[in-house]
Amino acid sequence: MQDTAKLQKIQEEVKEIQNKLLASRRHFLLVKVLVSPTQRIPAEIWKIIFIHCLPNVTFIAPKSNEAPLLLSQICSFLRDIALDTPELW
């Protein structure tokens, strides 16, 4: 019986640690979003900024070191916004 009780106690401790780990991961993701300056600005504002970064020509083959391709290489958040903005392409 003593071994069974010890095993049950260890299993409860493992479950408690797993719950704390899950809570910590959720908190980390929340803090990461709050701290990230790019994610504090709404996507609509980023779209306007991106459009103003475009060269003033009617058609241009995108270059990797200019807007919009350059803007889409900064991070996945901004890449998703750039790809979701048809005016850039």
PDB file of N, CA and C in Angstrom:
ATOM      1  N   MET A   1       0.805  -1.198   0.000  1.00  0.00           N
ATOM      2  CA  MET A   1       0.000   0.000   0.000  1.00  0.00           C
ATOM      3  C   MET A   1       0.847   1.260   0.000  1.00  0.00           C
ATOM      4  N   GLN A   2       1.938   1.225   0.698  1.00  0.00           N
ATOM      5  CA  GLN A   2       2.775   2.409   0.815  1.00  0.00           C
ATOM      6  C   GLN A   2       3.320   2.817  -0.550  1.00  0.00           C
ATOM      7  N   ASP A   3       3.718   1.853  -1.379  1.00  0.00           N
ATOM      8  CA  ASP A   3       4.224   2.157  -2.719  1.00  0.00           C
ATOM      9  C   ASP A   3       3.138   2.783  -3.584  1.00  0.00           C
ATOM     10  N   THR A   4       1.926   2.290  -3.460  1.00  0.00           N
ATOM     11  CA  THR A   4       0.808   2.838  -4.229  1.00  0.00           C
ATOM     12  C   THR A   4       0.544   4.285  -3.827  1.00  0.00           C
ATOM     13  N   ALA A   5       0.593   4.562  -2.553  1.00  0.00           N
ATOM     14  CA  ALA A   5       0.370   5.929  -2.064  1.00  0.00           C
ATOM     15  C   ALA A   5       1.474   6.865  -2.550  1.00  0.00           C
ATOM     16  N   LYS A   6       2.718   6.380  -2.523  1.00  0.00           N
ATOM     17  CA  LYS A   6       3.840   7.196  -3.014  1.00  0.00           C
ATOM     18  C   LYS A   6       3.681   7.490  -4.500  1.00  0.00           C
ATOM     19  N   LEU A   7       3.315   6.462  -5.256  1.00  0.00           N
ATOM     20  CA  LEU A   7       3.127   6.624  -6.696  1.00  0.00           C
ATOM     21  C   LEU A   7       2.011   7.623  -6.985  1.00  0.00           C
ATOM     22  N   GLN A   8       0.923   7.521  -6.248  1.00  0.00           N
ATOM     23  CA  GLN A   8      -0.194   8.446  -6.445  1.00  0.00           C
ATOM     24  C   GLN A   8       0.234   9.881  -6.114  1.00  0.00           C
ATOM     25  N   LYS A   9       0.994  10.041  -5.058  1.00  0.00           N
ATOM     26  CA  LYS A   9       1.469  11.375  -4.673  1.00  0.00           C
ATOM     27  C   LYS A   9       2.380  11.944  -5.760  1.00  0.00           C
ATOM     28  N   ILE A  10       3.264  11.129  -6.293  1.00  0.00           N
ATOM     29  CA  ILE A  10       4.164  11.573  -7.363  1.00  0.00           C
ATOM     30  C   ILE A  10       3.367  11.953  -8.601  1.00  0.00           C
ATOM     31  N   GLN A  11       2.358  11.161  -8.935  1.00  0.00           N
ATOM     32  CA  GLN A  11       1.521  11.474 -10.097  1.00  0.00           C
ATOM     33  C   GLN A  11       0.784  12.804  -9.908  1.00  0.00           C
ATOM     34  N   GLU A  12       0.315  13.060  -8.703  1.00  0.00           N
ATOM     35  CA  GLU A  12      -0.353  14.328  -8.409  1.00  0.00           C
ATOM     36  C   GLU A  12       0.623  15.498  -8.538  1.00  0.00           C
ATOM     37  N   GLU A  13       1.850  15.307  -8.052  1.00  0.00           N
ATOM     38  CA  GLU A  13       2.865  16.356  -8.162  1.00  0.00           C
ATOM     39  C   GLU A  13       3.217  16.631  -9.623  1.00  0.00           C
ATOM     40  N   VAL A  14       3.331  15.572 -10.421  1.00  0.00           N
ATOM     41  CA  VAL A  14       3.622  15.728 -11.849  1.00  0.00           C
ATOM     42  C   VAL A  14       2.497  16.507 -12.521  1.00  0.00           C
ATOM     43  N   LYS A  15       1.257  16.161 -12.206  1.00  0.00           N
ATOM     44  CA  LYS A  15       0.102  16.853 -12.789  1.00  0.00           C
ATOM     45  C   LYS A  15       0.109  18.331 -12.390  1.00  0.00           C
ATOM     46  N   GLU A  16       0.441  18.615 -11.144  1.00  0.00           N
ATOM     47  CA  GLU A  16       0.501  20.002 -10.669  1.00  0.00           C
ATOM     48  C   GLU A  16       1.597  20.778 -11.404  1.00  0.00           C
ATOM     49  N   ILE A  17       2.736  20.155 -11.594  1.00  0.00           N
ATOM     50  CA  ILE A  17       3.838  20.800 -12.322  1.00  0.00           C
ATOM     51  C   ILE A  17       3.449  21.030 -13.777  1.00  0.00           C
ATOM     52  N   GLN A  18       2.783  20.062 -14.385  1.00  0.00           N
ATOM     53  CA  GLN A  18       2.334  20.228 -15.775  1.00  0.00           C
ATOM     54  C   GLN A  18       1.345  21.392 -15.896  1.00  0.00           C
ATOM     55  N   ASN A  19       0.439  21.523 -14.936  1.00  0.00           N
ATOM     56  CA  ASN A  19      -0.516  22.631 -14.949  1.00  0.00           C
ATOM     57  C   ASN A  19       0.190  23.975 -14.796  1.00  0.00           C
ATOM     58  N   LYS A  20       1.190  24.023 -13.916  1.00  0.00           N
ATOM     59  CA  LYS A  20       1.954  25.262 -13.741  1.00  0.00           C
ATOM     60  C   LYS A  20       2.721  25.607 -15.013  1.00  0.00           C
ATOM     61  N   LEU A  21       3.275  24.598 -15.667  1.00  0.00           N
ATOM     62  CA  LEU A  21       4.002  24.818 -16.916  1.00  0.00           C
ATOM     63  C   LEU A  21       3.065  25.367 -17.988  1.00  0.00           C
ATOM     64  N   LEU A  22       1.891  24.793 -18.110  1.00  0.00           N
ATOM     65  CA  LEU A  22       0.909  25.266 -19.085  1.00  0.00           C
ATOM     66  C   LEU A  22       0.510  26.713 -18.796  1.00  0.00           C
ATOM     67  N   ALA A  23       0.268  27.032 -17.542  1.00  0.00           N
ATOM     68  CA  ALA A  23      -0.087  28.404 -17.169  1.00  0.00           C
ATOM     69  C   ALA A  23       1.061  29.362 -17.476  1.00  0.00           C
ATOM     70  N   SER A  24       2.282  28.926 -17.222  1.00  0.00           N
ATOM     71  CA  SER A  24       3.451  29.768 -17.507  1.00  0.00           C
ATOM     72  C   SER A  24       3.603  30.015 -18.998  1.00  0.00           C
ATOM     73  N   ARG A  25       3.368  29.000 -19.808  1.00  0.00           N
ATOM     74  CA  ARG A  25       3.450  29.160 -21.266  1.00  0.00           C
ATOM     75  C   ARG A  25       2.393  30.140 -21.764  1.00  0.00           C
ATOM     76  N   ARG A  26       1.180  30.026 -21.256  1.00  0.00           N
ATOM     77  CA  ARG A  26       0.113  30.957 -21.649  1.00  0.00           C
ATOM     78  C   ARG A  26       0.472  32.387 -21.256  1.00  0.00           C
ATOM     79  N   HIS A  27       0.992  32.541 -20.052  1.00  0.00           N
ATOM     80  CA  HIS A  27       1.391  33.870 -19.587  1.00  0.00           C
ATOM     81  C   HIS A  27       2.518  34.429 -20.453  1.00  0.00           C
ATOM     82  N   PHE A  28       3.477  33.594 -20.802  1.00  0.00           N
ATOM     83  CA  PHE A  28       4.589  34.023 -21.649  1.00  0.00           C
ATOM     84  C   PHE A  28       4.086  34.527 -22.996  1.00  0.00           C
ATOM     85  N   LEU A  29       3.159  33.797 -23.609  1.00  0.00           N
ATOM     86  CA  LEU A  29       2.622  34.218 -24.905  1.00  0.00           C
ATOM     87  C   LEU A  29       1.886  35.543 -24.790  1.00  0.00           C
ATOM     88  N   LEU A  30       1.149  35.729 -23.714  1.00  0.00           N
ATOM     89  CA  LEU A  30       0.442  36.990 -23.505  1.00  0.00           C
ATOM     90  C   LEU A  30       1.428  38.142 -23.344  1.00  0.00           C
ATOM     91  N   VAL A  31       2.438  37.943 -22.529  1.00  0.00           N
ATOM     92  CA  VAL A  31       3.442  38.989 -22.311  1.00  0.00           C
ATOM     93  C   VAL A  31       4.194  39.282 -23.602  1.00  0.00           C
ATOM     94  N   LYS A  32       4.504  38.255 -24.359  1.00  0.00           N
ATOM     95  CA  LYS A  32       5.219  38.430 -25.624  1.00  0.00           C
ATOM     96  C   LYS A  32       4.429  39.336 -26.567  1.00  0.00           C
ATOM     97  N   VAL A  33       3.130  39.113 -26.658  1.00  0.00           N
ATOM     98  CA  VAL A  33       2.285  39.941 -27.524  1.00  0.00           C
ATOM     99  C   VAL A  33       2.232  41.372 -26.998  1.00  0.00           C
ATOM    100  N   LEU A  34       2.118  41.525 -25.693  1.00  0.00           N
ATOM    101  CA  LEU A  34       2.017  42.863 -25.116  1.00  0.00           C
ATOM    102  C   LEU A  34       3.308  43.656 -25.256  1.00  0.00           C
ATOM    103  N   VAL A  35       4.429  42.965 -25.195  1.00  0.00           N
ATOM    104  CA  VAL A  35       5.727  43.636 -25.264  1.00  0.00           C
ATOM    105  C   VAL A  35       6.120  43.946 -26.700  1.00  0.00           C
ATOM    106  N   SER A  36       5.698  43.137 -27.631  1.00  0.00           N
ATOM    107  CA  SER A  36       6.087  43.311 -29.025  1.00  0.00           C
ATOM    108  C   SER A  36       5.503  44.597 -29.590  1.00  0.00           C
ATOM    109  N   PRO A  37       6.352  45.538 -29.969  1.00  0.00           N
ATOM    110  CA  PRO A  37       5.829  46.804 -30.500  1.00  0.00           C
ATOM    111  C   PRO A  37       5.069  46.625 -31.806  1.00  0.00           C
ATOM    112  N   THR A  38       5.458  45.663 -32.608  1.00  0.00           N
ATOM    113  CA  THR A  38       4.764  45.479 -33.883  1.00  0.00           C
ATOM    114  C   THR A  38       3.338  45.009 -33.681  1.00  0.00           C
ATOM    115  N   GLN A  39       3.106  44.228 -32.662  1.00  0.00           N
ATOM    116  CA  GLN A  39       1.772  43.675 -32.462  1.00  0.00           C
ATOM    117  C   GLN A  39       0.857  44.603 -31.668  1.00  0.00           C
ATOM    118  N   ARG A  40       1.399  45.695 -31.133  1.00  0.00           N
ATOM    119  CA  ARG A  40       0.558  46.668 -30.444  1.00  0.00           C
ATOM    120  C   ARG A  40      -0.111  47.617 -31.428  1.00  0.00           C
ATOM    121  N   ILE A  41       0.392  47.673 -32.655  1.00  0.00           N
ATOM    122  CA  ILE A  41      -0.182  48.538 -33.682  1.00  0.00           C
ATOM    123  C   ILE A  41      -1.168  47.702 -34.500  1.00  0.00           C
ATOM    124  N   PRO A  42      -2.394  48.189 -34.690  1.00  0.00           N
ATOM    125  CA  PRO A  42      -3.384  47.415 -35.452  1.00  0.00           C
ATOM    126  C   PRO A  42      -2.931  47.153 -36.889  1.00  0.00           C
ATOM    127  N   ALA A  43      -3.371  46.025 -37.432  1.00  0.00           N
ATOM    128  CA  ALA A  43      -3.002  45.627 -38.796  1.00  0.00           C
ATOM    129  C   ALA A  43      -3.405  46.683 -39.814  1.00  0.00           C
ATOM    130  N   GLU A  44      -4.530  47.355 -39.597  1.00  0.00           N
ATOM    131  CA  GLU A  44      -4.990  48.382 -40.540  1.00  0.00           C
ATOM    132  C   GLU A  44      -3.975  49.518 -40.654  1.00  0.00           C
ATOM    133  N   ILE A  45      -3.353  49.875 -39.550  1.00  0.00           N
ATOM    134  CA  ILE A  45      -2.328  50.935 -39.556  1.00  0.00           C
ATOM    135  C   ILE A  45      -1.091  50.450 -40.301  1.00  0.00           C
ATOM    136  N   TRP A  46      -0.695  49.195 -40.057  1.00  0.00           N
ATOM    137  CA  TRP A  46       0.459  48.636 -40.771  1.00  0.00           C
ATOM    138  C   TRP A  46       0.219  48.638 -42.273  1.00  0.00           C
ATOM    139  N   LYS A  47      -1.001  48.308 -42.693  1.00  0.00           N
ATOM    140  CA  LYS A  47      -1.315  48.296 -44.126  1.00  0.00           C
ATOM    141  C   LYS A  47      -1.123  49.676 -44.736  1.00  0.00           C
ATOM    142  N   ILE A  48      -1.578  50.709 -44.046  1.00  0.00           N
ATOM    143  CA  ILE A  48      -1.406  52.084 -44.539  1.00  0.00           C
ATOM    144  C   ILE A  48       0.076  52.432 -44.624  1.00  0.00           C
ATOM    145  N   ILE A  49       0.823  52.070 -43.607  1.00  0.00           N
ATOM    146  CA  ILE A  49       2.272  52.338 -43.602  1.00  0.00           C
ATOM    147  C   ILE A  49       2.938  51.625 -44.771  1.00  0.00           C
ATOM    148  N   PHE A  50       2.596  50.360 -44.971  1.00  0.00           N
ATOM    149  CA  PHE A  50       3.188  49.585 -46.063  1.00  0.00           C
ATOM    150  C   PHE A  50       2.886  50.215 -47.421  1.00  0.00           C
ATOM    151  N   ILE A  51       1.660  50.630 -47.620  1.00  0.00           N
ATOM    152  CA  ILE A  51       1.279  51.238 -48.900  1.00  0.00           C
ATOM    153  C   ILE A  51       2.088  52.507 -49.149  1.00  0.00           C
ATOM    154  N   HIS A  52       2.344  53.279 -48.105  1.00  0.00           N
ATOM    155  CA  HIS A  52       3.139  54.505 -48.258  1.00  0.00           C
ATOM    156  C   HIS A  52       4.625  54.220 -48.482  1.00  0.00           C
ATOM    157  N   CYS A  53       5.052  53.005 -48.228  1.00  0.00           N
ATOM    158  CA  CYS A  53       6.453  52.628 -48.465  1.00  0.00           C
ATOM    159  C   CYS A  53       6.717  52.222 -49.913  1.00  0.00           C
ATOM    160  N   LEU A  54       5.667  52.026 -50.688  1.00  0.00           N
ATOM    161  CA  LEU A  54       5.842  51.578 -52.071  1.00  0.00           C
ATOM    162  C   LEU A  54       6.465  52.671 -52.936  1.00  0.00           C
ATOM    163  N   PRO A  55       7.253  52.267 -53.929  1.00  0.00           N
ATOM    164  CA  PRO A  55       7.784  53.247 -54.881  1.00  0.00           C
ATOM    165  C   PRO A  55       6.633  53.879 -55.674  1.00  0.00           C
ATOM    166  N   ASN A  56       6.833  55.073 -56.182  1.00  0.00           N
ATOM    167  CA  ASN A  56       5.792  55.803 -56.915  1.00  0.00           C
ATOM    168  C   ASN A  56       5.787  55.473 -58.399  1.00  0.00           C
ATOM    169  N   VAL A  57       5.744  54.212 -58.740  1.00  0.00           N
ATOM    170  CA  VAL A  57       5.636  53.786 -60.135  1.00  0.00           C
ATOM    171  C   VAL A  57       4.455  52.836 -60.254  1.00  0.00           C
ATOM    172  N   THR A  58       3.859  52.798 -61.433  1.00  0.00           N
ATOM    173  CA  THR A  58       2.662  51.981 -61.601  1.00  0.00           C
ATOM    174  C   THR A  58       2.958  50.491 -61.570  1.00  0.00           C
ATOM    175  N   PHE A  59       4.030  50.049 -62.196  1.00  0.00           N
ATOM    176  CA  PHE A  59       4.385  48.638 -62.125  1.00  0.00           C
ATOM    177  C   PHE A  59       5.879  48.524 -61.937  1.00  0.00           C
ATOM    178  N   ILE A  60       6.246  47.700 -61.012  1.00  0.00           N
ATOM    179  CA  ILE A  60       7.661  47.458 -60.745  1.00  0.00           C
ATOM    180  C   ILE A  60       7.792  46.017 -60.263  1.00  0.00           C
ATOM    181  N   ALA A  61       8.782  45.339 -60.765  1.00  0.00           N
ATOM    182  CA  ALA A  61       9.048  43.985 -60.273  1.00  0.00           C
ATOM    183  C   ALA A  61       9.620  44.110 -58.862  1.00  0.00           C
ATOM    184  N   PRO A  62       8.994  43.458 -57.888  1.00  0.00           N
ATOM    185  CA  PRO A  62       9.467  43.591 -56.507  1.00  0.00           C
ATOM    186  C   PRO A  62      10.912  43.124 -56.344  1.00  0.00           C
ATOM    187  N   LYS A  63      11.673  43.896 -55.585  1.00  0.00           N
ATOM    188  CA  LYS A  63      13.049  43.523 -55.242  1.00  0.00           C
ATOM    189  C   LYS A  63      13.072  43.104 -53.778  1.00  0.00           C
ATOM    190  N   SER A  64      13.939  42.176 -53.461  1.00  0.00           N
ATOM    191  CA  SER A  64      13.962  41.640 -52.098  1.00  0.00           C
ATOM    192  C   SER A  64      14.403  42.663 -51.059  1.00  0.00           C
ATOM    193  N   ASN A  65      15.059  43.746 -51.494  1.00  0.00           N
ATOM    194  CA  ASN A  65      15.521  44.748 -50.533  1.00  0.00           C
ATOM    195  C   ASN A  65      14.665  46.014 -50.552  1.00  0.00           C
ATOM    196  N   GLU A  66      13.454  45.930 -51.132  1.00  0.00           N
ATOM    197  CA  GLU A  66      12.533  47.065 -51.164  1.00  0.00           C
ATOM    198  C   GLU A  66      11.135  46.589 -50.779  1.00  0.00           C
ATOM    199  N   ALA A  67      10.284  47.565 -50.480  1.00  0.00           N
ATOM    200  CA  ALA A  67       8.882  47.233 -50.190  1.00  0.00           C
ATOM    201  C   ALA A  67       8.248  46.673 -51.452  1.00  0.00           C
ATOM    202  N   PRO A  68       7.374  45.732 -51.360  1.00  0.00           N
ATOM    203  CA  PRO A  68       6.809  45.104 -50.176  1.00  0.00           C
ATOM    204  C   PRO A  68       7.571  43.874 -49.687  1.00  0.00           C
ATOM    205  N   LEU A  69       8.475  43.336 -50.492  1.00  0.00           N
ATOM    206  CA  LEU A  69       9.177  42.112 -50.071  1.00  0.00           C
ATOM    207  C   LEU A  69      10.011  42.330 -48.817  1.00  0.00           C
ATOM    208  N   LEU A  70      10.674  43.444 -48.723  1.00  0.00           N
ATOM    209  CA  LEU A  70      11.490  43.723 -47.545  1.00  0.00           C
ATOM    210  C   LEU A  70      10.616  43.758 -46.294  1.00  0.00           C
ATOM    211  N   LEU A  71       9.467  44.398 -46.403  1.00  0.00           N
ATOM    212  CA  LEU A  71       8.564  44.488 -45.258  1.00  0.00           C
ATOM    213  C   LEU A  71       8.069  43.118 -44.824  1.00  0.00           C
ATOM    214  N   SER A  72       7.903  42.235 -45.769  1.00  0.00           N
ATOM    215  CA  SER A  72       7.385  40.903 -45.439  1.00  0.00           C
ATOM    216  C   SER A  72       8.450  39.987 -44.843  1.00  0.00           C
ATOM    217  N   GLN A  73       9.686  40.449 -44.764  1.00  0.00           N
ATOM    218  CA  GLN A  73      10.773  39.633 -44.212  1.00  0.00           C
ATOM    219  C   GLN A  73      11.101  39.984 -42.763  1.00  0.00           C
ATOM    220  N   ILE A  74      10.422  40.960 -42.203  1.00  0.00           N
ATOM    221  CA  ILE A  74      10.741  41.419 -40.850  1.00  0.00           C
ATOM    222  C   ILE A  74      10.336  40.386 -39.802  1.00  0.00           C
ATOM    223  N   CYS A  75       9.095  39.959 -39.856  1.00  0.00           N
ATOM    224  CA  CYS A  75       8.606  38.933 -38.932  1.00  0.00           C
ATOM    225  C   CYS A  75       7.327  38.333 -39.507  1.00  0.00           C
ATOM    226  N   SER A  76       6.899  37.226 -38.955  1.00  0.00           N
ATOM    227  CA  SER A  76       5.719  36.545 -39.497  1.00  0.00           C
ATOM    228  C   SER A  76       4.457  37.387 -39.344  1.00  0.00           C
ATOM    229  N   PHE A  77       4.362  38.161 -38.284  1.00  0.00           N
ATOM    230  CA  PHE A  77       3.199  39.028 -38.076  1.00  0.00           C
ATOM    231  C   PHE A  77       3.076  40.037 -39.211  1.00  0.00           C
ATOM    232  N   LEU A  78       4.182  40.720 -39.534  1.00  0.00           N
ATOM    233  CA  LEU A  78       4.154  41.716 -40.604  1.00  0.00           C
ATOM    234  C   LEU A  78       4.060  41.061 -41.979  1.00  0.00           C
ATOM    235  N   ARG A  79       4.645  39.889 -42.138  1.00  0.00           N
ATOM    236  CA  ARG A  79       4.530  39.172 -43.409  1.00  0.00           C
ATOM    237  C   ARG A  79       3.068  38.846 -43.711  1.00  0.00           C
ATOM    238  N   ASP A  80       2.359  38.372 -42.695  1.00  0.00           N
ATOM    239  CA  ASP A  80       0.945  38.049 -42.887  1.00  0.00           C
ATOM    240  C   ASP A  80       0.144  39.287 -43.283  1.00  0.00           C
ATOM    241  N   ILE A  81       0.462  40.418 -42.670  1.00  0.00           N
ATOM    242  CA  ILE A  81      -0.232  41.662 -43.019  1.00  0.00           C
ATOM    243  C   ILE A  81       0.091  42.056 -44.451  1.00  0.00           C
ATOM    244  N   ALA A  82       1.368  41.999 -44.814  1.00  0.00           N
ATOM    245  CA  ALA A  82       1.769  42.378 -46.177  1.00  0.00           C
ATOM    246  C   ALA A  82       1.102  41.474 -47.212  1.00  0.00           C
ATOM    247  N   LEU A  83       1.091  40.187 -46.960  1.00  0.00           N
ATOM    248  CA  LEU A  83       0.485  39.253 -47.912  1.00  0.00           C
ATOM    249  C   LEU A  83      -1.033  39.425 -47.994  1.00  0.00           C
ATOM    250  N   ASP A  84      -1.619  39.949 -46.935  1.00  0.00           N
ATOM    251  CA  ASP A  84      -3.065  40.161 -46.894  1.00  0.00           C
ATOM    252  C   ASP A  84      -3.471  41.548 -47.415  1.00  0.00           C
ATOM    253  N   THR A  85      -2.511  42.288 -47.960  1.00  0.00           N
ATOM    254  CA  THR A  85      -2.785  43.635 -48.470  1.00  0.00           C
ATOM    255  C   THR A  85      -2.608  43.634 -49.982  1.00  0.00           C
ATOM    256  N   PRO A  86      -3.686  43.460 -50.745  1.00  0.00           N
ATOM    257  CA  PRO A  86      -3.571  43.358 -52.205  1.00  0.00           C
ATOM    258  C   PRO A  86      -2.981  44.608 -52.858  1.00  0.00           C
ATOM    259  N   GLU A  87      -3.139  45.762 -52.225  1.00  0.00           N
ATOM    260  CA  GLU A  87      -2.598  47.008 -52.793  1.00  0.00           C
ATOM    261  C   GLU A  87      -1.078  46.984 -52.914  1.00  0.00           C
ATOM    262  N   LEU A  88      -0.435  46.115 -52.165  1.00  0.00           N
ATOM    263  CA  LEU A  88       1.029  46.030 -52.227  1.00  0.00           C
ATOM    264  C   LEU A  88       1.508  45.244 -53.439  1.00  0.00           C
ATOM    265  N   TRP A  89       0.631  44.454 -54.018  1.00  0.00           N
ATOM    266  CA  TRP A  89       1.040  43.560 -55.092  1.00  0.00           C
ATOM    267  C   TRP A  89       0.342  43.949 -56.357  1.00  0.00           C
TER     268      TRP A  89
END
